[in-house]
Amino acid sequence: MPEINDNSNANSNSNSSVNISKKKRLILTFPTLHQVLAAERALRESGDKNLRCRPTPTPPGLSESICGMAIEIFSGEQKDSAIKFLIDHKLEPSGCHLVD
C-alpha cells in the first residue's frame, strides 16, 4: 500500500494570522494517464458517495511522473477505503497525499 504523505502545510502562508479550518483532500497519483482515467471510472462506477472524485492536474512537487494528472478524492477521511477499493481493482496508486 502506498505511503500517505500529509502535504497540508506545503502551500501555507506564514504571514497569515487567520487560521481557517478546511477539510483535507486526498490526491492519488498514478504513473500513467490511462491509470488515472481507469481509477476515476472505477471510483465513479462504485456508486459509493464517499468516494466522490475528479481528475485534477497533479500539484507541483507531489509526483515525478510525466503523466501530470491525478485523482482528487473530495474527502480525505476516506483515504483507507479509497485506496483499498483501488487496490482491489488492481489500480494501486503510486502516491497518496493529503492536502488542504
C-alpha atoms as a PDB file:
ATOM      1  CA  MET A   1       0.000   0.000   0.000  1.00  0.00           C
ATOM      2  CA  PRO A   2       1.424   3.434  -0.858  1.00  0.00           C
ATOM      3  CA  GLU A   3       2.591   5.674   1.952  1.00  0.00           C
ATOM      4  CA  ILE A   4       0.284   8.608   2.683  1.00  0.00           C
ATOM      5  CA  ASN A   5       2.046  11.968   2.745  1.00  0.00           C
ATOM      6  CA  ASP A   6       0.492  14.886   4.601  1.00  0.00           C
ATOM      7  CA  ASN A   7       1.318  17.936   2.454  1.00  0.00           C
ATOM      8  CA  SER A   8      -1.199  20.190   4.165  1.00  0.00           C
ATOM      9  CA  ASN A   9       1.371  22.842   5.046  1.00  0.00           C
ATOM     10  CA  ALA A  10       3.102  22.810   1.669  1.00  0.00           C
ATOM     11  CA  ASN A  11       1.299  25.927   0.451  1.00  0.00           C
ATOM     12  CA  SER A  12       0.585  27.660   3.749  1.00  0.00           C
ATOM     13  CA  ASN A  13       1.272  31.372   4.081  1.00  0.00           C
ATOM     14  CA  SER A  14       3.395  32.031   7.175  1.00  0.00           C
ATOM     15  CA  ASN A  15       2.181  35.659   7.318  1.00  0.00           C
ATOM     16  CA  SER A  16      -1.447  34.659   7.728  1.00  0.00           C
ATOM     17  CA  SER A  17      -2.924  35.455  11.139  1.00  0.00           C
ATOM     18  CA  VAL A  18      -6.237  33.781  10.357  1.00  0.00           C
ATOM     19  CA  ASN A  19      -6.472  30.025  10.844  1.00  0.00           C
ATOM     20  CA  ILE A  20      -9.279  28.754   8.649  1.00  0.00           C
ATOM     21  CA  SER A  21     -10.100  25.091   9.168  1.00  0.00           C
ATOM     22  CA  LYS A  22     -10.534  23.263   5.881  1.00  0.00           C
ATOM     23  CA  LYS A  23     -11.095  19.608   5.174  1.00  0.00           C
ATOM     24  CA  LYS A  24      -8.148  17.845   3.653  1.00  0.00           C
ATOM     25  CA  ARG A  25      -8.357  16.400   0.175  1.00  0.00           C
ATOM     26  CA  LEU A  26      -6.720  13.184  -0.886  1.00  0.00           C
ATOM     27  CA  ILE A  27      -4.628  13.356  -4.060  1.00  0.00           C
ATOM     28  CA  LEU A  28      -3.781   9.990  -5.614  1.00  0.00           C
ATOM     29  CA  THR A  29      -1.040   9.911  -8.229  1.00  0.00           C
ATOM     30  CA  PHE A  30      -0.508   7.230 -10.876  1.00  0.00           C
ATOM     31  CA  PRO A  31       2.303   6.539 -13.337  1.00  0.00           C
ATOM     32  CA  THR A  32       0.134   6.975 -16.449  1.00  0.00           C
ATOM     33  CA  LEU A  33      -2.878   8.940 -17.607  1.00  0.00           C
ATOM     34  CA  HIS A  34      -4.504   5.633 -18.572  1.00  0.00           C
ATOM     35  CA  GLN A  35      -4.378   4.521 -14.908  1.00  0.00           C
ATOM     36  CA  VAL A  36      -5.759   7.893 -13.739  1.00  0.00           C
ATOM     37  CA  LEU A  37      -8.745   7.543 -16.056  1.00  0.00           C
ATOM     38  CA  ALA A  38      -9.283   3.873 -15.130  1.00  0.00           C
ATOM     39  CA  ALA A  39      -9.227   4.768 -11.429  1.00  0.00           C
ATOM     40  CA  GLU A  40     -11.679   7.624 -11.965  1.00  0.00           C
ATOM     41  CA  ARG A  41     -14.054   5.327 -13.855  1.00  0.00           C
ATOM     42  CA  ALA A  42     -13.845   2.595 -11.195  1.00  0.00           C
ATOM     43  CA  LEU A  43     -14.478   5.060  -8.344  1.00  0.00           C
ATOM     44  CA  ARG A  44     -17.440   6.676 -10.127  1.00  0.00           C
ATOM     45  CA  GLU A  45     -18.965   3.326 -11.065  1.00  0.00           C
ATOM     46  CA  SER A  46     -18.657   2.100  -7.464  1.00  0.00           C
ATOM     47  CA  GLY A  47     -21.712   4.204  -6.599  1.00  0.00           C
ATOM     48  CA  ASP A  48     -20.184   4.996  -3.193  1.00  0.00           C
ATOM     49  CA  LYS A  49     -20.916   8.660  -2.402  1.00  0.00           C
ATOM     50  CA  ASN A  50     -17.946   8.682  -0.016  1.00  0.00           C
ATOM     51  CA  LEU A  51     -15.605   8.031  -2.933  1.00  0.00           C
ATOM     52  CA  ARG A  52     -16.555  11.106  -4.969  1.00  0.00           C
ATOM     53  CA  CYS A  53     -13.605  12.122  -7.093  1.00  0.00           C
ATOM     54  CA  ARG A  54     -12.399  14.052 -10.105  1.00  0.00           C
ATOM     55  CA  PRO A  55      -9.288  14.073 -12.253  1.00  0.00           C
ATOM     56  CA  THR A  56      -7.074  17.034 -11.468  1.00  0.00           C
ATOM     57  CA  PRO A  57      -3.662  18.327 -12.514  1.00  0.00           C
ATOM     58  CA  THR A  58      -1.017  16.931 -10.190  1.00  0.00           C
ATOM     59  CA  PRO A  59       0.031  19.696  -7.784  1.00  0.00           C
ATOM     60  CA  PRO A  60       3.695  20.676  -8.152  1.00  0.00           C
ATOM     61  CA  GLY A  61       6.101  18.574  -6.134  1.00  0.00           C
ATOM     62  CA  LEU A  62       3.783  15.617  -5.497  1.00  0.00           C
ATOM     63  CA  SER A  63       4.950  13.330  -8.275  1.00  0.00           C
ATOM     64  CA  GLU A  64       7.796  12.996 -10.710  1.00  0.00           C
ATOM     65  CA  SER A  65       5.562  11.185 -13.185  1.00  0.00           C
ATOM     66  CA  ILE A  66       5.289  12.768 -16.608  1.00  0.00           C
ATOM     67  CA  CYS A  67       1.552  11.991 -16.563  1.00  0.00           C
ATOM     68  CA  GLY A  68       0.655  15.355 -14.999  1.00  0.00           C
ATOM     69  CA  MET A  69      -2.789  14.220 -13.827  1.00  0.00           C
ATOM     70  CA  ALA A  70      -4.034  12.764 -10.544  1.00  0.00           C
ATOM     71  CA  ILE A  71      -7.294  11.802  -8.846  1.00  0.00           C
ATOM     72  CA  GLU A  72      -8.707  14.020  -6.131  1.00  0.00           C
ATOM     73  CA  ILE A  73     -10.904  12.299  -3.550  1.00  0.00           C
ATOM     74  CA  PHE A  74     -13.023  15.072  -2.050  1.00  0.00           C
ATOM     75  CA  SER A  75     -12.972  13.630   1.456  1.00  0.00           C
ATOM     76  CA  GLY A  76      -9.504  12.880   2.812  1.00  0.00           C
ATOM     77  CA  GLU A  77     -11.227  10.939   5.576  1.00  0.00           C
ATOM     78  CA  GLN A  78     -11.966   8.211   3.020  1.00  0.00           C
ATOM     79  CA  LYS A  79      -8.307   7.533   2.222  1.00  0.00           C
ATOM     80  CA  ASP A  80      -8.260   3.968   3.558  1.00  0.00           C
ATOM     81  CA  SER A  81     -11.446   2.886   1.797  1.00  0.00           C
ATOM     82  CA  ALA A  82     -10.451   4.621  -1.466  1.00  0.00           C
ATOM     83  CA  ILE A  83      -7.016   3.016  -1.532  1.00  0.00           C
ATOM     84  CA  LYS A  84      -8.396  -0.415  -0.595  1.00  0.00           C
ATOM     85  CA  PHE A  85     -11.048  -0.118  -3.323  1.00  0.00           C
ATOM     86  CA  LEU A  86      -8.452   0.789  -5.947  1.00  0.00           C
ATOM     87  CA  ILE A  87      -6.037  -1.964  -4.883  1.00  0.00           C
ATOM     88  CA  ASP A  88      -8.906  -4.483  -5.029  1.00  0.00           C
ATOM     89  CA  HIS A  89      -9.465  -3.314  -8.631  1.00  0.00           C
ATOM     90  CA  LYS A  90      -5.744  -3.633  -9.464  1.00  0.00           C
ATOM     91  CA  LEU A  91      -5.318   0.150  -9.691  1.00  0.00           C
ATOM     92  CA  GLU A  92      -2.847   0.828  -6.887  1.00  0.00           C
ATOM     93  CA  PRO A  93      -1.813   4.493  -6.797  1.00  0.00           C
ATOM     94  CA  SER A  94       1.892   5.320  -6.878  1.00  0.00           C
ATOM     95  CA  GLY A  95       1.401   8.098  -4.318  1.00  0.00           C
ATOM     96  CA  CYS A  96      -1.147   9.312  -1.762  1.00  0.00           C
ATOM     97  CA  HIS A  97      -1.063  12.892  -0.487  1.00  0.00           C
ATOM     98  CA  LEU A  98      -3.301  14.769   1.953  1.00  0.00           C
ATOM     99  CA  VAL A  99      -3.513  18.454   1.007  1.00  0.00           C
ATOM    100  CA  ASP A 100      -5.584  21.434   2.140  1.00  0.00           C
END
